[in-house]
Protein backbone atom coordinates (compact mmCIF):
# COMPACT_ATOMS: atom_id res chain seq x y z
CA MET A 1 96.04 -20.18 146.84
CA THR A 2 93.60 -18.62 144.41
CA HIS A 3 90.07 -17.66 145.33
CA ASP A 4 88.99 -17.17 141.73
CA ILE A 5 85.88 -19.03 140.76
CA SER A 6 86.45 -21.34 137.81
CA ARG A 7 84.28 -21.12 134.73
CA ARG A 8 82.73 -24.46 135.58
CA ASP A 9 81.88 -23.34 139.12
CA ALA A 10 80.32 -20.20 137.71
CA MET A 11 78.26 -22.28 135.30
CA LEU A 12 77.13 -24.55 138.14
CA ALA A 13 76.09 -21.54 140.16
CA ALA A 14 74.17 -20.17 137.20
CA ALA A 15 72.49 -23.53 136.68
CA ALA A 16 71.44 -23.63 140.33
CA ALA A 17 69.96 -20.17 140.00
CA LEU A 18 68.15 -21.26 136.86
CA ALA A 19 66.71 -24.28 138.63
CA ALA A 20 65.33 -22.01 141.34
CA THR A 21 63.45 -20.00 138.70
CA ALA A 22 62.50 -22.73 136.25
CA ALA A 23 60.02 -22.41 133.41
CA GLY A 24 57.05 -22.54 135.77
CA GLY A 25 58.49 -19.68 137.79
CA ALA A 26 58.94 -17.55 134.69
CA ARG A 27 55.26 -18.07 133.81
CA ALA A 28 54.15 -17.29 137.33
CA GLN A 29 55.81 -13.92 137.03
CA GLY A 30 53.87 -13.26 133.86
CA GLY A 31 56.91 -13.12 131.58
CA PRO A 32 57.72 -15.29 128.57
CA ILE A 33 59.74 -18.48 128.81
CA VAL A 34 63.25 -17.63 127.62
CA ILE A 35 65.12 -20.07 125.39
CA LYS A 36 68.80 -19.28 124.92
CA PHE A 37 69.97 -20.78 121.61
CA SER A 38 73.76 -20.70 121.34
CA HIS A 39 75.94 -21.62 118.36
CA VAL A 40 79.50 -21.05 117.14
CA VAL A 41 79.09 -19.89 113.52
CA ALA A 42 78.12 -16.61 111.86
CA PRO A 43 74.49 -15.48 111.64
CA ASP A 44 74.59 -15.51 107.82
CA THR A 45 75.27 -19.26 107.51
CA PRO A 46 72.69 -22.04 107.07
CA LYS A 47 72.84 -22.82 110.79
CA GLY A 48 72.71 -19.16 111.76
CA ASN A 49 69.74 -18.52 109.49
CA GLY A 50 68.03 -21.69 110.71
CA ALA A 51 68.35 -20.56 114.33
CA GLN A 52 66.93 -17.15 113.43
CA ARG A 53 64.01 -18.74 111.58
CA PHE A 54 63.26 -20.93 114.62
CA LYS A 55 63.25 -17.80 116.81
CA GLU A 56 60.81 -16.02 114.51
CA LEU A 57 58.46 -19.00 114.25
CA ALA A 58 58.55 -19.81 117.97
CA GLU A 59 57.78 -16.29 119.08
CA GLU A 60 55.02 -15.87 116.50
CA ARG A 61 53.28 -19.21 116.99
CA SER A 62 53.51 -19.17 120.79
CA LYS A 63 51.92 -15.70 120.73
CA GLY A 64 54.57 -14.29 123.02
CA ARG A 65 54.71 -17.17 125.51
CA VAL A 66 58.26 -17.92 124.35
CA LYS A 67 61.20 -15.61 123.77
CA VAL A 68 64.19 -17.06 121.89
CA GLU A 69 67.57 -15.38 122.33
CA VAL A 70 70.05 -16.46 119.63
CA TYR A 71 73.76 -16.10 120.42
CA PRO A 72 75.95 -16.73 117.31
CA ASN A 73 79.73 -16.71 116.81
CA SER A 74 80.59 -18.29 120.19
CA GLN A 75 79.31 -15.20 122.00
CA LEU A 76 78.44 -17.30 125.04
CA TYR A 77 80.45 -20.50 124.75
CA LYS A 78 83.14 -22.03 122.53
CA ASP A 79 82.98 -25.47 120.95
CA LYS A 80 84.19 -27.39 124.00
CA GLU A 81 82.08 -25.41 126.48
CA GLU A 82 78.65 -25.27 124.92
CA MET A 83 77.63 -28.91 125.48
CA GLU A 84 78.37 -28.68 129.19
CA ALA A 85 76.49 -25.37 129.33
CA LEU A 86 73.44 -27.11 127.85
CA GLN A 87 73.63 -29.99 130.31
CA LEU A 88 73.92 -27.57 133.21
CA GLY A 89 70.97 -25.53 131.98
CA SER A 90 72.93 -22.35 131.29
CA VAL A 91 71.53 -22.47 127.74
CA GLN A 92 68.48 -24.37 126.57
CA MET A 93 69.21 -25.11 122.90
CA LEU A 94 72.24 -25.79 120.72
CA ALA A 95 72.94 -26.98 117.18
CA PRO A 96 76.40 -28.59 117.54
CA SER A 97 78.08 -30.54 114.79
CA LEU A 98 77.58 -34.28 115.11
CA ALA A 99 81.26 -34.72 115.94
CA LYS A 100 80.58 -33.15 119.35
CA PHE A 101 78.69 -36.18 120.67
CA GLY A 102 81.65 -38.58 120.57
CA PRO A 103 83.54 -36.73 123.34
CA LEU A 104 80.26 -36.64 125.28
CA GLY A 105 80.38 -40.45 125.40
CA VAL A 106 77.97 -41.29 122.56
CA LYS A 107 80.64 -42.65 120.25
CA GLU A 108 78.17 -43.96 117.71
CA TYR A 109 77.79 -40.42 116.38
CA GLU A 110 81.34 -40.53 115.08
CA VAL A 111 80.06 -42.73 112.26
CA PHE A 112 79.10 -39.45 110.55
CA ASP A 113 82.78 -38.47 110.46
CA LEU A 114 83.91 -41.54 108.50
CA PRO A 115 85.46 -40.29 105.23
CA PHE A 116 83.46 -40.67 102.02
CA ILE A 117 80.61 -42.50 103.80
CA PHE A 118 77.94 -40.36 102.09
CA LYS A 119 77.95 -40.15 98.31
CA ASP A 120 75.41 -37.32 98.26
CA GLN A 121 72.85 -35.42 100.35
CA ALA A 122 70.18 -38.03 99.70
CA ALA A 123 72.37 -40.71 101.29
CA PHE A 124 72.83 -38.55 104.39
CA ARG A 125 69.11 -37.87 104.70
CA ALA A 126 68.30 -41.56 104.30
CA VAL A 127 70.31 -42.14 107.47
CA THR A 128 69.12 -39.21 109.59
CA ASP A 129 65.45 -39.38 108.56
CA GLY A 130 65.21 -43.10 109.21
CA PRO A 131 65.56 -45.53 112.12
CA VAL A 132 69.32 -44.90 112.49
CA GLY A 133 68.81 -41.20 113.13
CA ALA A 134 66.00 -41.85 115.61
CA ASP A 135 68.04 -44.45 117.49
CA LEU A 136 71.00 -42.09 117.79
CA PHE A 137 68.77 -39.36 119.23
CA HIS A 138 67.46 -41.85 121.79
CA LYS A 139 71.04 -42.46 122.99
CA LEU A 140 71.34 -38.77 123.98
CA GLU A 141 68.56 -38.90 126.55
CA SER A 142 70.72 -40.50 129.23
CA LYS A 143 72.97 -37.43 128.90
CA GLY A 144 70.07 -35.09 129.70
CA ILE A 145 69.64 -34.11 126.04
CA ARG A 146 66.68 -34.38 123.68
CA GLY A 147 67.41 -34.51 119.97
CA MET A 148 65.00 -32.48 117.84
CA ALA A 149 66.30 -32.40 114.25
CA TYR A 150 69.30 -32.92 111.99
CA TRP A 151 70.47 -29.90 109.99
CA ASP A 152 72.50 -30.52 106.86
CA ASN A 153 75.38 -28.20 105.92
CA GLY A 154 76.98 -29.92 102.97
CA PHE A 155 80.29 -31.53 102.17
CA HIS A 156 83.79 -30.73 103.40
CA ILE A 157 86.59 -29.31 101.34
CA MET A 158 90.27 -29.09 102.33
CA SER A 159 92.53 -26.05 102.47
CA ALA A 160 96.22 -25.32 103.01
CA ASN A 161 98.98 -23.04 101.76
CA ARG A 162 100.10 -25.63 99.26
CA PRO A 163 98.08 -27.59 96.68
CA LEU A 164 96.36 -30.71 98.03
CA HIS A 165 95.86 -32.97 95.02
CA HIS A 166 97.47 -36.20 96.16
CA VAL A 167 97.68 -37.96 99.51
CA ALA A 168 101.44 -37.26 99.65
CA ASP A 169 100.68 -33.51 99.63
CA PHE A 170 99.42 -33.74 103.22
CA LYS A 171 102.67 -35.07 104.65
CA GLY A 172 103.70 -33.10 107.74
CA LEU A 173 100.92 -30.50 107.55
CA LYS A 174 99.30 -29.42 110.82
CA MET A 175 95.57 -29.67 110.07
CA ARG A 176 92.88 -28.26 112.35
CA ILE A 177 90.07 -30.67 113.23
CA GLN A 178 87.12 -30.80 115.58
CA SER A 179 87.55 -33.05 118.60
CA SER A 180 86.86 -36.44 117.01
CA LYS A 181 88.87 -39.64 117.08
CA VAL A 182 87.68 -40.40 113.56
CA LEU A 183 88.86 -37.06 112.19
CA ASP A 184 92.14 -37.54 114.04
CA ALA A 185 92.59 -40.92 112.34
CA GLN A 186 91.57 -39.42 108.99
CA MET A 187 94.30 -36.79 109.06
CA ARG A 188 96.91 -39.27 110.22
CA ALA A 189 95.94 -41.63 107.39
CA LEU A 190 96.68 -38.78 104.98
CA GLY A 191 100.07 -38.18 106.60
CA ALA A 192 99.04 -34.93 108.32
CA ILE A 193 99.28 -33.93 111.98
CA PRO A 194 95.79 -33.30 113.44
CA GLN A 195 95.32 -30.33 115.77
CA VAL A 196 92.10 -29.99 117.78
CA MET A 197 91.06 -26.35 117.94
CA ALA A 198 87.92 -24.29 118.61
CA PHE A 199 86.31 -22.96 115.44
CA SER A 200 86.42 -19.42 116.82
CA GLU A 201 90.24 -19.60 117.02
CA LEU A 202 90.81 -20.98 113.51
CA TYR A 203 91.31 -17.80 111.48
CA GLN A 204 94.02 -16.44 113.77
CA ALA A 205 95.71 -19.84 113.99
CA LEU A 206 95.88 -20.10 110.19
CA GLN A 207 97.06 -16.50 109.88
CA SER A 208 99.87 -17.00 112.41
CA GLY A 209 100.90 -20.46 111.16
CA VAL A 210 99.90 -22.32 114.34
CA VAL A 211 98.11 -24.68 111.93
CA ASP A 212 98.72 -25.10 108.20
CA GLY A 213 95.30 -26.04 106.97
CA THR A 214 91.80 -27.20 107.79
CA GLU A 215 88.66 -28.86 106.48
CA GLY A 216 85.16 -27.42 106.39
CA VAL A 217 82.24 -26.35 104.25
CA PRO A 218 82.42 -23.44 101.79
CA SER A 219 79.82 -21.32 103.61
CA ASN A 220 81.93 -21.33 106.77
CA PHE A 221 85.12 -20.72 104.78
CA TRP A 222 83.48 -17.62 103.33
CA THR A 223 81.83 -16.15 106.43
CA GLN A 224 84.91 -16.77 108.60
CA LYS A 225 87.20 -15.43 105.83
CA ILE A 226 89.33 -18.59 105.78
CA TYR A 227 90.05 -17.92 102.10
CA GLU A 228 92.06 -14.84 103.14
CA VAL A 229 94.63 -16.96 104.99
CA GLN A 230 94.75 -20.08 102.78
CA LYS A 231 96.28 -20.10 99.31
CA HIS A 232 94.73 -23.36 98.11
CA MET A 233 91.37 -25.10 98.49
CA THR A 234 90.52 -28.57 97.23
CA LEU A 235 86.96 -29.69 96.44
CA SER A 236 87.41 -33.15 97.91
CA TYR A 237 83.93 -33.62 99.39
CA HIS A 238 85.44 -36.30 101.60
CA GLY A 239 83.39 -35.53 104.69
CA HIS A 240 80.00 -34.21 105.52
CA LEU A 241 79.05 -31.50 108.02
CA ALA A 242 75.76 -31.75 109.86
CA TYR A 243 74.32 -30.47 113.09
CA ALA A 244 71.84 -31.79 115.62
CA VAL A 245 69.35 -29.34 117.06
CA ILE A 246 69.15 -30.32 120.72
CA VAL A 247 67.45 -29.09 123.87
CA ASN A 248 68.05 -29.59 127.59
CA LYS A 249 65.74 -32.52 128.36
CA LYS A 250 64.74 -31.36 131.85
CA PHE A 251 63.82 -27.93 130.51
CA TRP A 252 61.86 -29.50 127.66
CA ASP A 253 59.97 -31.92 129.89
CA GLY A 254 58.97 -29.00 132.14
CA LEU A 255 57.22 -27.14 129.31
CA PRO A 256 53.44 -27.40 128.84
CA GLU A 257 52.48 -30.10 126.36
CA ASP A 258 50.82 -27.68 123.95
CA LEU A 259 53.96 -25.53 123.88
CA ARG A 260 56.16 -28.56 123.16
CA THR A 261 53.92 -29.36 120.20
CA ILE A 262 54.23 -25.80 118.91
CA LEU A 263 58.02 -25.77 119.30
CA ASP A 264 58.41 -29.17 117.63
CA GLY A 265 56.56 -27.76 114.63
CA CYS A 266 58.78 -24.68 114.61
CA VAL A 267 61.92 -26.83 114.61
CA LYS A 268 60.53 -28.95 111.79
CA ASP A 269 59.85 -25.91 109.61
CA ALA A 270 63.17 -24.27 110.51
CA THR A 271 64.87 -27.54 109.52
CA THR A 272 63.29 -27.50 106.07
CA TYR A 273 64.43 -23.89 105.68
CA ALA A 274 67.99 -24.47 106.90
CA ASN A 275 68.50 -27.58 104.78
CA ALA A 276 67.27 -25.80 101.65
CA LEU A 277 69.72 -22.97 102.34
CA ALA A 278 72.74 -25.22 102.80
CA ALA A 279 73.21 -26.27 99.18
CA SER A 280 72.59 -22.81 97.70
CA GLU A 281 74.75 -20.97 100.24
CA ASN A 282 77.69 -23.35 99.80
CA ALA A 283 77.51 -22.90 96.02
CA MET A 284 77.34 -19.11 96.37
CA ALA A 285 80.21 -19.14 98.87
CA LEU A 286 82.43 -21.01 96.41
CA ASP A 287 81.62 -18.49 93.71
CA LYS A 288 82.53 -15.63 96.04
CA ILE A 289 85.77 -17.33 97.12
CA ARG A 290 86.78 -17.83 93.48
CA ALA A 291 85.88 -14.24 92.66
CA SER A 292 88.01 -12.92 95.53
CA GLY A 293 91.14 -14.09 93.71
CA LYS A 294 92.82 -14.77 97.05
CA THR A 295 92.94 -18.55 96.79
CA THR A 296 92.91 -21.22 94.11
CA VAL A 297 90.00 -23.67 94.07
CA TYR A 298 90.81 -27.12 92.68
CA ALA A 299 88.44 -30.03 91.97
CA LEU A 300 89.88 -33.52 92.40
CA THR A 301 89.89 -35.72 89.31
CA PRO A 302 88.15 -39.11 89.57
CA ALA A 303 91.56 -40.80 89.79
CA GLU A 304 92.67 -38.49 92.59
CA THR A 305 89.39 -39.08 94.45
CA ASP A 306 89.97 -42.84 94.23
CA GLU A 307 93.48 -42.34 95.60
CA TRP A 308 92.07 -40.44 98.61
CA LYS A 309 89.37 -43.07 99.16
CA ARG A 310 91.85 -45.94 99.16
CA ALA A 311 94.06 -44.09 101.65
CA LEU A 312 91.15 -43.33 103.95
CA MET A 313 89.19 -46.60 103.83
CA PRO A 314 91.37 -48.12 106.61
CA VAL A 315 89.91 -45.47 108.95
CA HIS A 316 86.53 -47.22 108.65
CA HIS A 317 88.07 -50.48 109.83
CA GLU A 318 90.17 -48.81 112.51
CA MET A 319 87.16 -47.06 114.04
CA ALA A 320 84.83 -50.09 114.04
CA ALA A 321 85.70 -51.02 117.61
CA ARG A 322 85.08 -47.45 118.79
CA VAL A 323 81.96 -46.52 116.82
CA GLY A 324 80.49 -50.03 116.78
CA GLN A 325 80.32 -52.27 113.73
CA PRO A 326 76.51 -52.61 113.96
CA THR A 327 76.17 -48.82 113.72
CA ILE A 328 78.58 -48.67 110.78
CA ASP A 329 76.73 -51.49 109.01
CA ALA A 330 73.37 -49.78 109.56
CA VAL A 331 74.68 -46.54 108.07
CA TYR A 332 76.33 -48.39 105.16
CA LYS A 333 72.98 -50.02 104.35
CA ALA A 334 70.85 -46.89 104.69
CA ALA A 335 73.33 -44.71 102.76
CA GLY A 336 74.02 -47.26 100.04
CA PHE A 337 77.76 -47.08 100.76
CA VAL A 338 80.00 -48.96 98.33
CA PRO A 339 83.64 -49.44 99.41
CA PRO A 340 86.32 -48.46 96.86
CA LYS A 341 87.67 -51.32 94.77
């Protein structure tokens, strides 16, 4: 019989210790309130830079009442662990991709994973900045989470060690995905075999052949050096990557009202900064990937894009029972979605 303490038990113990010295206790001791902001990507990505900008603004505007510790590159927790860490209070803030909320039990968020649902950035922002985005944040509160902002990180491309121009090219490929039933159905609709895997493990898995390919945004492909272990990339723009900046609700509610106002303003300004970076950094990343000469970069023709859309439209219908048709319809309307003919 083992006497080792599991990671979950350790996290529970840490959360209990944190509860004993909550925000009020930290102030009573005269020190700043510490906010641990954890994420899984590199510091020099739109999300990484957005987190750093929030840190700078929060510490400056709070005049030292708040200290923000940013932990990038899964230094504290991997994809599957970080949400539980937030709920337990082991970290106070995260910026997970929207796909992470489906496994948490808020399946409506998987609407963002539906292929080709957003024709451009404006369509995405029409959803997140309007009533749909606000309603989805409200659904997180029962999970002990407060939604603060949506951060945009652009459109997905595909990669593999063989060209991906037509749907038939995916047949039999093991493709890494985030944990999402929609993304699972997407890859199966293309004829691929989906493999759920932590982002931090992706490079090695591609290098060793554990998986054959993946999807993601150019900025992450560049910073994580995915282009070194993939011979072909396809500019499909079939999916969209976005994050939700979230905070432990109990921690947030325990902060003084004036400090909550300050931090809300810091998140708002960091959001503007991060969203502006996303488009430029993805474009620069593609240029750098092309210049590396290590992979080919191919843009789908309009006919090939239509072929992909027709193959993937059944995923929308298949996921209606899971995501909820009212949510899908609300996003269709806000985004101006037009099904392929």
